[in-house]
Amino acid sequence: MPPSRHRRRRADRRSSRRTPPIATGGGFRSRWLLISFAVIAGLFILALLAPVVLPLNFGGAGRGSADGYVQGVGTEVPTSEDRAHFATNFLIADVTGGNGYSTAPPTSGRHWDGWVACGFYPPDQPVPDERIVHNMEHGNIIVSYNFTDAERIQELEDVFDSIGKTNLWGVARFYDQIPEGTVALTTWGVIDGPMAGVQKDRIEAFFDAYSGTLSPEFPNGGAPCTQGGVMNPA
């Protein structure tokens, strides 16, 4: 005997409860997932390309200061209001209307994104101002020298290596914007020199006073130049 119409309706209801509902919005959700992925990918690509095509990039703003200046060790100089990063296909003169840095060697200002590793850089491995300012933003000390005599360069390197703090905070680089035969010491907001020859006591005093102490980006002790550098000494 065939089931009655009432029984068939009850069986249909039980079957509908046991069968999972069919998703009807899958296509809509898939489109939104694709759109979201495309937007995220586009933002990521834009973040990579922006420093190449724009003179300015993300970076710290605000005034760094030489609040830790030690009287009699170097000369305190005003620091730049702007310490933003800019792309490596530009020079400091390009983003300051030709003004460049306020001191030579520089002691603050805009700079490239990426710093150099600690160490002694020979004359055939130049380190640009735009790169070295980033190190000073981290509380590092820069020893800029203009020596052409190999013996004098070796003398400075020996002194540099003998100072214990240089392996964490020191970068030495050739710099022809100071008189030949001189050395200049810089950190954020302080300069000493140019000084004639290799003056070990003066160099060591500068490192003792300012290693990691004048970092506007890392004010609580600075950031050593031991890791993450885009350049390493040869």
C-alpha atoms as a PDB file:
ATOM      1  CA  MET A   1       0.000   0.000   0.000  1.00  0.00           C
ATOM      2  CA  PRO A   2       1.623   3.341  -1.044  1.00  0.00           C
ATOM      3  CA  PRO A   3       2.319   5.835   1.719  1.00  0.00           C
ATOM      4  CA  SER A   4      -0.204   8.519   2.284  1.00  0.00           C
ATOM      5  CA  ARG A   5       0.404  12.149   1.351  1.00  0.00           C
ATOM      6  CA  HIS A   6       0.796  13.024   5.041  1.00  0.00           C
ATOM      7  CA  ARG A   7       3.513  10.418   5.559  1.00  0.00           C
ATOM      8  CA  ARG A   8       5.376  11.582   2.467  1.00  0.00           C
ATOM      9  CA  ARG A   9       5.461  15.155   3.813  1.00  0.00           C
ATOM     10  CA  ARG A  10       6.795  13.952   7.182  1.00  0.00           C
ATOM     11  CA  ALA A  11       9.511  11.901   5.419  1.00  0.00           C
ATOM     12  CA  ASP A  12      10.498  14.920   3.309  1.00  0.00           C
ATOM     13  CA  ARG A  13      10.848  17.061   6.444  1.00  0.00           C
ATOM     14  CA  ARG A  14      13.055  14.472   8.186  1.00  0.00           C
ATOM     15  CA  SER A  15      15.232  14.197   5.061  1.00  0.00           C
ATOM     16  CA  SER A  16      15.664  17.970   4.869  1.00  0.00           C
ATOM     17  CA  ARG A  17      16.821  18.058   8.503  1.00  0.00           C
ATOM     18  CA  ARG A  18      19.464  15.394   7.859  1.00  0.00           C
ATOM     19  CA  THR A  19      20.827  16.983   4.646  1.00  0.00           C
ATOM     20  CA  PRO A  20      23.261  19.891   5.180  1.00  0.00           C
ATOM     21  CA  PRO A  21      22.140  23.098   3.577  1.00  0.00           C
ATOM     22  CA  ILE A  22      23.800  24.013   0.293  1.00  0.00           C
ATOM     23  CA  ALA A  23      25.935  27.169   0.479  1.00  0.00           C
ATOM     24  CA  THR A  24      24.524  29.702  -1.923  1.00  0.00           C
ATOM     25  CA  GLY A  25      27.053  32.509  -1.337  1.00  0.00           C
ATOM     26  CA  GLY A  26      30.257  30.667  -2.256  1.00  0.00           C
ATOM     27  CA  GLY A  27      30.831  32.588  -5.446  1.00  0.00           C
ATOM     28  CA  PHE A  28      30.303  35.922  -3.714  1.00  0.00           C
ATOM     29  CA  ARG A  29      32.695  35.038  -0.887  1.00  0.00           C
ATOM     30  CA  SER A  30      35.294  33.761  -3.344  1.00  0.00           C
ATOM     31  CA  ARG A  31      35.203  37.036  -5.233  1.00  0.00           C
ATOM     32  CA  TRP A  32      35.751  38.987  -2.007  1.00  0.00           C
ATOM     33  CA  LEU A  33      38.664  36.740  -1.058  1.00  0.00           C
ATOM     34  CA  LEU A  34      40.278  37.347  -4.436  1.00  0.00           C
ATOM     35  CA  ILE A  35      39.717  41.097  -4.173  1.00  0.00           C
ATOM     36  CA  SER A  36      41.153  41.195  -0.641  1.00  0.00           C
ATOM     37  CA  PHE A  37      44.210  39.220  -1.718  1.00  0.00           C
ATOM     38  CA  ALA A  38      44.759  41.538  -4.686  1.00  0.00           C
ATOM     39  CA  VAL A  39      44.535  44.631  -2.460  1.00  0.00           C
ATOM     40  CA  ILE A  40      47.017  43.215   0.065  1.00  0.00           C
ATOM     41  CA  ALA A  41      49.418  42.194  -2.707  1.00  0.00           C
ATOM     42  CA  GLY A  42      49.129  45.639  -4.280  1.00  0.00           C
ATOM     43  CA  LEU A  43      49.900  47.394  -1.003  1.00  0.00           C
ATOM     44  CA  PHE A  44      52.906  45.130  -0.473  1.00  0.00           C
ATOM     45  CA  ILE A  45      54.280  45.900  -3.956  1.00  0.00           C
ATOM     46  CA  LEU A  46      53.671  49.622  -3.422  1.00  0.00           C
ATOM     47  CA  ALA A  47      55.614  49.515  -0.140  1.00  0.00           C
ATOM     48  CA  LEU A  48      58.540  47.934  -1.975  1.00  0.00           C
ATOM     49  CA  LEU A  49      58.502  50.378  -4.885  1.00  0.00           C
ATOM     50  CA  ALA A  50      57.827  53.619  -3.003  1.00  0.00           C
ATOM     51  CA  PRO A  51      61.411  54.122  -1.760  1.00  0.00           C
ATOM     52  CA  VAL A  52      62.693  53.735  -5.322  1.00  0.00           C
ATOM     53  CA  VAL A  53      60.473  56.323  -6.957  1.00  0.00           C
ATOM     54  CA  LEU A  54      59.952  58.822  -4.134  1.00  0.00           C
ATOM     55  CA  PRO A  55      62.539  61.034  -2.467  1.00  0.00           C
ATOM     56  CA  LEU A  56      60.967  60.504   0.934  1.00  0.00           C
ATOM     57  CA  ASN A  57      60.178  57.275   2.690  1.00  0.00           C
ATOM     58  CA  PHE A  58      58.866  56.213   6.060  1.00  0.00           C
ATOM     59  CA  GLY A  59      61.219  57.177   8.836  1.00  0.00           C
ATOM     60  CA  GLY A  60      61.582  58.856  12.164  1.00  0.00           C
ATOM     61  CA  ALA A  61      60.532  62.433  12.511  1.00  0.00           C
ATOM     62  CA  GLY A  62      61.184  64.742  15.375  1.00  0.00           C
ATOM     63  CA  ARG A  63      64.248  66.307  16.847  1.00  0.00           C
ATOM     64  CA  GLY A  64      67.133  64.273  18.153  1.00  0.00           C
ATOM     65  CA  SER A  65      69.251  66.053  20.726  1.00  0.00           C
ATOM     66  CA  ALA A  66      72.678  65.896  22.321  1.00  0.00           C
ATOM     67  CA  ASP A  67      71.276  65.830  25.841  1.00  0.00           C
ATOM     68  CA  GLY A  68      74.091  63.477  26.776  1.00  0.00           C
ATOM     69  CA  TYR A  69      76.814  65.890  25.668  1.00  0.00           C
ATOM     70  CA  VAL A  70      79.932  65.614  27.831  1.00  0.00           C
ATOM     71  CA  GLN A  71      81.561  68.963  28.444  1.00  0.00           C
ATOM     72  CA  GLY A  72      84.993  69.170  26.833  1.00  0.00           C
ATOM     73  CA  VAL A  73      84.596  66.091  24.617  1.00  0.00           C
ATOM     74  CA  GLY A  74      83.935  67.355  21.121  1.00  0.00           C
ATOM     75  CA  THR A  75      81.658  70.246  20.206  1.00  0.00           C
ATOM     76  CA  GLU A  76      77.894  70.146  20.528  1.00  0.00           C
ATOM     77  CA  VAL A  77      76.102  71.228  17.329  1.00  0.00           C
ATOM     78  CA  PRO A  78      72.392  71.809  16.586  1.00  0.00           C
ATOM     79  CA  THR A  79      70.631  68.737  15.269  1.00  0.00           C
ATOM     80  CA  SER A  80      68.232  68.569  12.349  1.00  0.00           C
ATOM     81  CA  GLU A  81      64.485  68.703  12.871  1.00  0.00           C
ATOM     82  CA  ASP A  82      64.103  66.044  10.171  1.00  0.00           C
ATOM     83  CA  ARG A  83      65.595  62.560  10.356  1.00  0.00           C
ATOM     84  CA  ALA A  84      63.317  60.865   7.819  1.00  0.00           C
ATOM     85  CA  HIS A  85      64.547  58.198   5.414  1.00  0.00           C
ATOM     86  CA  PHE A  86      64.780  58.804   1.675  1.00  0.00           C
ATOM     87  CA  ALA A  87      65.469  56.531  -1.275  1.00  0.00           C
ATOM     88  CA  THR A  88      69.004  55.506  -2.193  1.00  0.00           C
ATOM     89  CA  ASN A  89      68.676  56.870  -5.737  1.00  0.00           C
ATOM     90  CA  PHE A  90      68.697  60.370  -4.199  1.00  0.00           C
ATOM     91  CA  LEU A  91      71.456  62.275  -2.385  1.00  0.00           C
ATOM     92  CA  ILE A  92      71.025  64.613   0.560  1.00  0.00           C
ATOM     93  CA  ALA A  93      71.290  67.659  -1.733  1.00  0.00           C
ATOM     94  CA  ASP A  94      68.334  66.350  -3.753  1.00  0.00           C
ATOM     95  CA  VAL A  95      66.003  66.361  -0.740  1.00  0.00           C
ATOM     96  CA  THR A  96      67.251  69.573   0.888  1.00  0.00           C
ATOM     97  CA  GLY A  97      67.175  71.823  -2.153  1.00  0.00           C
ATOM     98  CA  GLY A  98      70.943  71.689  -2.550  1.00  0.00           C
ATOM     99  CA  ASN A  99      71.760  72.542   1.058  1.00  0.00           C
ATOM    100  CA  GLY A 100      73.218  69.161   2.028  1.00  0.00           C
ATOM    101  CA  TYR A 101      74.198  68.461   5.633  1.00  0.00           C
ATOM    102  CA  SER A 102      74.951  71.239   8.097  1.00  0.00           C
ATOM    103  CA  THR A 103      78.430  69.914   9.000  1.00  0.00           C
ATOM    104  CA  ALA A 104      81.161  67.921   7.263  1.00  0.00           C
ATOM    105  CA  PRO A 105      81.189  65.154   8.327  1.00  0.00           C
ATOM    106  CA  PRO A 106      77.456  65.269   9.101  1.00  0.00           C
ATOM    107  CA  THR A 107      76.086  64.963  12.631  1.00  0.00           C
ATOM    108  CA  SER A 108      72.329  64.615  11.951  1.00  0.00           C
ATOM    109  CA  GLY A 109      69.675  64.889   9.252  1.00  0.00           C
ATOM    110  CA  ARG A 110      67.779  62.854   6.686  1.00  0.00           C
ATOM    111  CA  HIS A 111      69.427  59.676   5.509  1.00  0.00           C
ATOM    112  CA  TRP A 112      69.061  56.374   3.672  1.00  0.00           C
ATOM    113  CA  ASP A 113      67.216  53.427   5.142  1.00  0.00           C
ATOM    114  CA  GLY A 114      69.870  50.914   6.186  1.00  0.00           C
ATOM    115  CA  TRP A 115      73.054  51.317   8.179  1.00  0.00           C
ATOM    116  CA  VAL A 116      76.530  49.805   7.905  1.00  0.00           C
ATOM    117  CA  ALA A 117      78.137  47.165  10.099  1.00  0.00           C
ATOM    118  CA  CYS A 118      80.787  48.096  12.627  1.00  0.00           C
ATOM    119  CA  GLY A 119      84.387  48.049  11.465  1.00  0.00           C
ATOM    120  CA  PHE A 120      87.218  49.771   9.651  1.00  0.00           C
ATOM    121  CA  TYR A 121      86.414  50.532   5.992  1.00  0.00           C
ATOM    122  CA  PRO A 122      89.440  51.015   3.688  1.00  0.00           C
ATOM    123  CA  PRO A 123      89.675  53.886   1.185  1.00  0.00           C
ATOM    124  CA  ASP A 124      88.562  51.639  -1.685  1.00  0.00           C
ATOM    125  CA  GLN A 125      85.285  50.904   0.130  1.00  0.00           C
ATOM    126  CA  PRO A 126      83.599  54.308   0.453  1.00  0.00           C
ATOM    127  CA  VAL A 127      80.736  54.773   2.907  1.00  0.00           C
ATOM    128  CA  PRO A 128      78.383  57.629   1.895  1.00  0.00           C
ATOM    129  CA  ASP A 129      77.189  60.314   4.282  1.00  0.00           C
ATOM    130  CA  GLU A 130      73.589  59.349   3.547  1.00  0.00           C
ATOM    131  CA  ARG A 131      74.311  55.884   4.928  1.00  0.00           C
ATOM    132  CA  ILE A 132      76.484  56.812   7.884  1.00  0.00           C
ATOM    133  CA  VAL A 133      73.941  59.240   9.367  1.00  0.00           C
ATOM    134  CA  HIS A 134      71.671  56.258   9.987  1.00  0.00           C
ATOM    135  CA  ASN A 135      74.393  54.735  12.165  1.00  0.00           C
ATOM    136  CA  MET A 136      74.593  57.912  14.220  1.00  0.00           C
ATOM    137  CA  GLU A 137      70.826  57.851  14.625  1.00  0.00           C
ATOM    138  CA  HIS A 138      71.426  54.529  16.431  1.00  0.00           C
ATOM    139  CA  GLY A 139      74.057  56.016  18.755  1.00  0.00           C
ATOM    140  CA  ASN A 140      77.067  54.820  16.745  1.00  0.00           C
ATOM    141  CA  ILE A 141      80.332  56.782  16.424  1.00  0.00           C
ATOM    142  CA  ILE A 142      81.895  57.573  13.060  1.00  0.00           C
ATOM    143  CA  VAL A 143      85.641  57.967  12.584  1.00  0.00           C
ATOM    144  CA  SER A 144      86.155  59.800   9.283  1.00  0.00           C
ATOM    145  CA  TYR A 145      89.759  59.908   8.045  1.00  0.00           C
ATOM    146  CA  ASN A 146      91.562  61.401   5.075  1.00  0.00           C
ATOM    147  CA  PHE A 147      94.847  59.528   4.862  1.00  0.00           C
ATOM    148  CA  THR A 148      96.549  58.418   1.662  1.00  0.00           C
ATOM    149  CA  ASP A 149      99.661  56.991   3.276  1.00  0.00           C
ATOM    150  CA  ALA A 150      99.299  53.245   3.923  1.00  0.00           C
ATOM    151  CA  GLU A 151     101.309  53.394   7.156  1.00  0.00           C
ATOM    152  CA  ARG A 152      99.109  56.139   8.587  1.00  0.00           C
ATOM    153  CA  ILE A 153      95.964  54.221   7.632  1.00  0.00           C
ATOM    154  CA  GLN A 154      97.330  51.133   9.367  1.00  0.00           C
ATOM    155  CA  GLU A 155      98.178  53.199  12.437  1.00  0.00           C
ATOM    156  CA  LEU A 156      94.611  54.446  12.675  1.00  0.00           C
ATOM    157  CA  GLU A 157      93.209  50.963  12.152  1.00  0.00           C
ATOM    158  CA  ASP A 158      95.410  49.615  14.965  1.00  0.00           C
ATOM    159  CA  VAL A 159      94.192  52.357  17.300  1.00  0.00           C
ATOM    160  CA  PHE A 160      90.590  51.771  16.240  1.00  0.00           C
ATOM    161  CA  ASP A 161      90.872  48.031  16.953  1.00  0.00           C
ATOM    162  CA  SER A 162      92.543  48.634  20.324  1.00  0.00           C
ATOM    163  CA  ILE A 163      89.554  50.569  21.665  1.00  0.00           C
ATOM    164  CA  GLY A 164      87.186  47.994  23.097  1.00  0.00           C
ATOM    165  CA  LYS A 165      83.945  49.811  22.276  1.00  0.00           C
ATOM    166  CA  THR A 166      84.576  50.117  18.538  1.00  0.00           C
ATOM    167  CA  ASN A 167      83.446  46.533  17.912  1.00  0.00           C
ATOM    168  CA  LEU A 168      79.950  47.531  19.069  1.00  0.00           C
ATOM    169  CA  TRP A 169      79.682  51.231  18.265  1.00  0.00           C
ATOM    170  CA  GLY A 170      82.422  52.233  15.819  1.00  0.00           C
ATOM    171  CA  VAL A 171      82.595  52.769  12.061  1.00  0.00           C
ATOM    172  CA  ALA A 172      85.758  54.153  10.448  1.00  0.00           C
ATOM    173  CA  ARG A 173      85.612  55.302   6.835  1.00  0.00           C
ATOM    174  CA  PHE A 174      87.706  57.271   4.343  1.00  0.00           C
ATOM    175  CA  TYR A 175      86.370  60.814   3.854  1.00  0.00           C
ATOM    176  CA  ASP A 176      87.898  63.321   1.471  1.00  0.00           C
ATOM    177  CA  GLN A 177      85.696  66.227   2.581  1.00  0.00           C
ATOM    178  CA  ILE A 178      88.104  67.025   5.434  1.00  0.00           C
ATOM    179  CA  PRO A 179      91.737  68.153   5.015  1.00  0.00           C
ATOM    180  CA  GLU A 180      94.243  65.484   4.072  1.00  0.00           C
ATOM    181  CA  GLY A 181      96.075  64.044   7.065  1.00  0.00           C
ATOM    182  CA  THR A 182      93.197  64.620   9.500  1.00  0.00           C
ATOM    183  CA  VAL A 183      90.556  62.644  11.398  1.00  0.00           C
ATOM    184  CA  ALA A 184      87.076  63.745  12.479  1.00  0.00           C
ATOM    185  CA  LEU A 185      84.864  62.067  15.077  1.00  0.00           C
ATOM    186  CA  THR A 186      81.079  62.371  14.948  1.00  0.00           C
ATOM    187  CA  THR A 187      77.996  61.102  16.695  1.00  0.00           C
ATOM    188  CA  TRP A 188      74.456  62.498  16.725  1.00  0.00           C
ATOM    189  CA  GLY A 189      74.818  66.187  17.575  1.00  0.00           C
ATOM    190  CA  VAL A 190      78.535  66.170  18.439  1.00  0.00           C
ATOM    191  CA  ILE A 191      81.709  66.591  16.369  1.00  0.00           C
ATOM    192  CA  ASP A 192      85.380  66.543  17.292  1.00  0.00           C
ATOM    193  CA  GLY A 193      87.929  67.683  14.749  1.00  0.00           C
ATOM    194  CA  PRO A 194      89.175  67.515  12.144  1.00  0.00           C
ATOM    195  CA  MET A 195      92.323  66.750  14.133  1.00  0.00           C
ATOM    196  CA  ALA A 196      95.807  66.282  12.751  1.00  0.00           C
ATOM    197  CA  GLY A 197      97.098  62.724  12.670  1.00  0.00           C
ATOM    198  CA  VAL A 198      96.033  59.822  14.888  1.00  0.00           C
ATOM    199  CA  GLN A 199      95.323  61.007  18.424  1.00  0.00           C
ATOM    200  CA  LYS A 200      94.491  57.850  20.350  1.00  0.00           C
ATOM    201  CA  ASP A 201      93.581  59.505  23.661  1.00  0.00           C
ATOM    202  CA  ARG A 202      91.153  61.853  21.960  1.00  0.00           C
ATOM    203  CA  ILE A 203      89.519  59.076  19.957  1.00  0.00           C
ATOM    204  CA  GLU A 204      89.221  56.831  23.015  1.00  0.00           C
ATOM    205  CA  ALA A 205      87.698  59.649  25.104  1.00  0.00           C
ATOM    206  CA  PHE A 206      85.060  60.207  22.432  1.00  0.00           C
ATOM    207  CA  PHE A 207      84.067  56.529  22.464  1.00  0.00           C
ATOM    208  CA  ASP A 208      83.994  56.474  26.271  1.00  0.00           C
ATOM    209  CA  ALA A 209      81.678  59.499  26.332  1.00  0.00           C
ATOM    210  CA  TYR A 210      79.264  58.750  23.496  1.00  0.00           C
ATOM    211  CA  SER A 211      79.025  55.030  22.694  1.00  0.00           C
ATOM    212  CA  GLY A 212      75.269  54.438  22.457  1.00  0.00           C
ATOM    213  CA  THR A 213      74.345  57.568  24.416  1.00  0.00           C
ATOM    214  CA  LEU A 214      73.076  60.013  21.766  1.00  0.00           C
ATOM    215  CA  SER A 215      70.609  57.889  19.791  1.00  0.00           C
ATOM    216  CA  PRO A 216      67.358  59.719  18.945  1.00  0.00           C
ATOM    217  CA  GLU A 217      65.877  56.492  17.550  1.00  0.00           C
ATOM    218  CA  PHE A 218      66.912  54.272  20.481  1.00  0.00           C
ATOM    219  CA  PRO A 219      67.201  56.720  23.394  1.00  0.00           C
ATOM    220  CA  ASN A 220      67.557  53.995  26.028  1.00  0.00           C
ATOM    221  CA  GLY A 221      71.048  52.805  25.226  1.00  0.00           C
ATOM    222  CA  GLY A 222      71.347  52.964  21.442  1.00  0.00           C
ATOM    223  CA  ALA A 223      71.586  50.092  18.959  1.00  0.00           C
ATOM    224  CA  PRO A 224      75.022  48.540  18.268  1.00  0.00           C
ATOM    225  CA  CYS A 225      76.153  48.251  14.652  1.00  0.00           C
ATOM    226  CA  THR A 226      76.916  44.550  15.011  1.00  0.00           C
ATOM    227  CA  GLN A 227      73.890  43.272  13.116  1.00  0.00           C
ATOM    228  CA  GLY A 228      71.751  44.088  10.133  1.00  0.00           C
ATOM    229  CA  GLY A 229      74.173  46.282   8.235  1.00  0.00           C
ATOM    230  CA  VAL A 230      73.775  46.687   4.475  1.00  0.00           C
ATOM    231  CA  MET A 231      77.567  47.040   4.192  1.00  0.00           C
ATOM    232  CA  ASN A 232      80.385  45.124   5.837  1.00  0.00           C
ATOM    233  CA  PRO A 233      84.073  46.074   5.881  1.00  0.00           C
ATOM    234  CA  ALA A 234      86.198  44.218   3.339  1.00  0.00           C
END
